[in-house]
């Protein structure tokens, strides 16, 4: 099993492909995967059609603004997957009302025995480690590449998994 993973995490592009390309250009190497947290599914063509990126797996979830897309039936609102030995719950977050807090999303992730919870929707980047009982969960939000809040710059996230331990960071463009 691969011991170290670098995963690009993007969300809330809202029709802006240019910031997706700019985030991709900031990376020094191809990521092991791309996680897209909703609101701008069509913008993923920036990743999937870029020469050299064809082999990078892309996992996505649908956001509240993705509802009119024809292919939405193939994209869940919540996805649980395991990468680098970490169980990851990814969601846009609107169905868990994350703009009012992340308690419902945390409960769901705990039920899924997740090591990592990633969500978008708030357009505000952050991360924290939550200790719940005997478990510690990394919770992260990459912010928005397409419509950052107030006077903020667009942001994207990187989920790094080293020997099964998750780390999260976000970067301004």
Protein backbone atom coordinates (compact mmCIF):
# COMPACT_ATOMS: atom_id res chain seq x y z
CA UNK A 1 0.00 0.00 0.00
CA UNK A 2 1.20 3.50 -0.81
CA UNK A 3 2.40 5.12 2.44
CA UNK A 4 2.20 8.82 1.54
CA UNK A 5 -0.63 10.57 -0.26
CA UNK A 6 -1.05 14.14 -1.51
CA UNK A 7 -4.68 14.92 -2.33
CA UNK A 8 -5.96 18.14 -3.90
CA UNK A 9 -9.25 19.25 -2.29
CA UNK A 10 -11.39 21.85 -4.06
CA UNK A 11 -14.90 23.18 -3.61
CA UNK A 12 -17.36 25.86 -4.61
CA UNK A 13 -15.95 26.81 -8.00
CA UNK A 14 -19.36 28.03 -9.23
CA UNK A 15 -18.49 28.11 -12.93
CA UNK A 16 -14.90 29.35 -12.56
CA UNK A 17 -12.46 26.99 -14.25
CA UNK A 18 -9.54 29.44 -14.27
CA UNK A 19 -8.94 29.24 -10.49
CA UNK A 20 -9.00 25.43 -10.78
CA UNK A 21 -6.18 25.59 -13.34
CA UNK A 22 -4.32 28.08 -11.17
CA UNK A 23 -4.58 25.74 -8.17
CA UNK A 24 -3.32 22.85 -10.31
CA UNK A 25 -0.36 24.97 -11.45
CA UNK A 26 0.61 25.66 -7.83
CA UNK A 27 1.30 21.98 -7.19
CA UNK A 28 4.87 20.78 -7.59
CA UNK A 29 3.74 17.27 -8.59
CA UNK A 30 0.57 15.54 -9.68
CA UNK A 31 -1.62 14.68 -6.69
CA UNK A 32 -2.59 11.11 -5.91
CA UNK A 33 -6.26 12.11 -6.13
CA UNK A 34 -8.59 15.10 -6.42
CA UNK A 35 -11.58 15.51 -4.11
CA UNK A 36 -14.27 17.94 -5.26
CA UNK A 37 -16.78 18.99 -2.60
CA UNK A 38 -19.55 20.34 -4.83
CA UNK A 39 -21.00 23.47 -6.44
CA UNK A 40 -19.35 23.51 -9.82
CA UNK A 41 -19.24 19.92 -11.06
CA UNK A 42 -18.89 21.09 -14.66
CA UNK A 43 -15.67 22.86 -13.68
CA UNK A 44 -14.01 19.49 -13.10
CA UNK A 45 -13.32 19.38 -16.84
CA UNK A 46 -10.35 21.63 -15.97
CA UNK A 47 -8.85 18.61 -14.20
CA UNK A 48 -10.12 15.72 -16.29
CA UNK A 49 -9.08 17.19 -19.66
CA UNK A 50 -5.70 18.63 -18.64
CA UNK A 51 -2.83 16.76 -20.35
CA UNK A 52 -0.96 14.63 -17.82
CA UNK A 53 -3.85 14.59 -15.35
CA UNK A 54 -5.83 11.80 -17.06
CA UNK A 55 -4.64 9.17 -14.58
CA UNK A 56 -5.41 11.18 -11.44
CA UNK A 57 -8.57 9.78 -9.84
CA UNK A 58 -11.27 12.38 -9.19
CA UNK A 59 -13.95 11.84 -6.54
CA UNK A 60 -16.80 14.31 -6.28
CA UNK A 61 -20.01 15.04 -4.46
CA UNK A 62 -22.91 17.23 -5.55
CA UNK A 63 -23.62 20.59 -3.98
CA UNK A 64 -26.85 22.53 -3.69
CA UNK A 65 -26.04 24.52 -6.86
CA UNK A 66 -25.33 21.39 -8.93
CA UNK A 67 -28.98 20.30 -9.04
CA UNK A 68 -29.73 21.20 -12.65
CA UNK A 69 -26.94 19.07 -14.10
CA UNK A 70 -28.08 16.20 -16.28
CA UNK A 71 -25.51 13.72 -14.93
CA UNK A 72 -26.22 14.43 -11.28
CA UNK A 73 -27.70 10.94 -10.73
CA UNK A 74 -24.16 9.56 -10.86
CA UNK A 75 -22.83 11.95 -8.21
CA UNK A 76 -23.85 11.43 -4.57
CA UNK A 77 -24.29 14.21 -2.00
CA UNK A 78 -22.10 12.30 0.46
CA UNK A 79 -19.28 9.89 -0.30
CA UNK A 80 -17.18 7.72 1.99
CA UNK A 81 -13.89 6.35 0.70
CA UNK A 82 -10.57 5.11 1.99
CA UNK A 83 -7.32 6.61 0.70
CA UNK A 84 -3.90 6.09 2.22
CA UNK A 85 -5.37 4.09 5.08
CA UNK A 86 -7.72 6.92 6.13
CA UNK A 87 -11.48 6.66 5.98
CA UNK A 88 -12.73 9.93 4.48
CA UNK A 89 -16.27 11.30 4.49
CA UNK A 90 -16.67 14.02 1.89
CA UNK A 91 -19.79 16.13 1.42
CA UNK A 92 -20.83 19.54 0.26
CA UNK A 93 -22.50 20.05 3.62
CA UNK A 94 -25.78 21.74 2.67
CA UNK A 95 -27.84 18.70 3.68
CA UNK A 96 -26.15 18.83 7.11
CA UNK A 97 -26.68 22.59 7.52
CA UNK A 98 -22.94 23.25 7.99
CA UNK A 99 -23.42 27.00 7.69
CA UNK A 100 -24.94 26.83 11.19
CA UNK A 101 -22.26 24.50 12.55
CA UNK A 102 -20.78 21.12 11.80
CA UNK A 103 -22.30 19.00 14.60
CA UNK A 104 -24.67 17.05 12.33
CA UNK A 105 -21.88 16.42 9.81
CA UNK A 106 -19.55 15.30 12.62
CA UNK A 107 -22.17 12.88 13.94
CA UNK A 108 -22.59 11.38 10.50
CA UNK A 109 -18.82 11.06 10.02
CA UNK A 110 -18.51 9.39 13.43
CA UNK A 111 -21.21 6.88 12.44
CA UNK A 112 -19.12 6.12 9.36
CA UNK A 113 -16.02 5.67 11.57
CA UNK A 114 -14.24 8.35 9.57
CA UNK A 115 -10.74 9.61 10.22
CA UNK A 116 -11.37 12.68 8.04
CA UNK A 117 -14.45 14.83 7.39
CA UNK A 118 -14.25 17.26 4.46
CA UNK A 119 -16.99 19.66 3.43
CA UNK A 120 -17.54 22.87 1.50
CA UNK A 121 -20.63 25.10 1.24
CA UNK A 122 -19.49 27.75 3.75
CA UNK A 123 -16.86 29.21 1.37
CA UNK A 124 -14.62 29.70 4.44
CA UNK A 125 -11.41 27.65 4.71
CA UNK A 126 -10.51 26.03 8.01
CA UNK A 127 -9.35 22.84 9.64
CA UNK A 128 -9.33 21.41 13.13
CA UNK A 129 -8.82 18.15 14.93
CA UNK A 130 -11.85 17.05 16.93
CA UNK A 131 -11.44 14.66 19.81
CA UNK A 132 -14.61 12.65 20.30
CA UNK A 133 -14.37 9.92 22.90
CA UNK A 134 -11.24 7.94 22.12
CA UNK A 135 -11.14 9.05 18.48
CA UNK A 136 -9.57 12.06 16.82
CA UNK A 137 -11.03 13.24 13.52
CA UNK A 138 -9.55 15.77 11.13
CA UNK A 139 -12.23 18.20 9.90
CA UNK A 140 -11.41 20.44 6.96
CA UNK A 141 -12.92 22.86 4.48
CA UNK A 142 -10.88 24.12 1.50
CA UNK A 143 -12.93 27.30 1.14
CA UNK A 144 -14.01 28.46 -2.31
CA UNK A 145 -12.08 28.71 -5.56
CA UNK A 146 -14.93 30.46 -7.38
CA UNK A 147 -16.67 32.72 -4.89
CA UNK A 148 -14.62 33.40 -1.78
CA UNK A 149 -16.29 35.24 1.07
CA UNK A 150 -16.01 39.01 1.48
CA UNK A 151 -12.57 40.26 0.51
CA UNK A 152 -10.83 36.88 0.78
CA UNK A 153 -8.81 35.31 -1.99
CA UNK A 154 -9.79 31.99 -3.60
CA UNK A 155 -8.50 28.98 -1.67
CA UNK A 156 -7.93 25.27 -2.18
CA UNK A 157 -6.92 22.52 0.21
CA UNK A 158 -4.36 19.76 0.40
CA UNK A 159 -5.00 16.60 2.38
CA UNK A 160 -1.71 14.89 3.14
CA UNK A 161 -1.72 11.38 4.52
CA UNK A 162 1.59 10.16 5.95
CA UNK A 163 1.68 6.60 7.26
CA UNK A 164 -2.09 6.68 7.78
CA UNK A 165 -2.09 10.03 9.63
CA UNK A 166 -4.04 12.88 7.97
CA UNK A 167 -2.90 16.52 7.78
CA UNK A 168 -4.82 19.34 6.11
CA UNK A 169 -3.80 22.76 4.86
CA UNK A 170 -5.31 25.39 2.62
CA UNK A 171 -3.64 27.83 0.27
CA UNK A 172 -4.72 31.20 -1.12
CA UNK A 173 -4.35 31.86 -4.81
